[in-house]
């Protein structure tokens, strides 16, 4: 696989440590390194409960550099592929949401990320959001935390 080719994998249960029960919506890998974890929410006319998604992203950040985990299965046999993946030290965390224009999920810095420790944990965090009003008008934007 060329160095620039990235794989996007639907997530499986991790097989080691505390993260084995956590399923992100999408993983992006480069070679044998997980370089991005993506959480998605699509609730265009309502107010999604997004805190568990942010907590999940933060948990993955804690496991950067460890452990080696199996992600792929053989589609014919269902057995685990022996390729091991590691979570990148520069892991990109992405929270993408489409929700009601007034939903807290569209403004994390105002409503959720309030202390310096959380901001440090989210230094490689990308927030993609779409705001939908009651008439179906929409606005899309992004914010990164550095």
Foldseek 3Di string as FASTA:
>chain_A
DDQPDKDKDQWDQWDDDPRSRPGARIFIDGQQETAETEHEEEAAEAADDCVVVLVNLLVLLVQAPDDWTFTDADPVPRHTDPRTHGYHNNHAYEYEYHYAQPHCLQPCPVPPPDDPVSLVSQQRYKYWYWHAYPVGDIDIDMDGRD
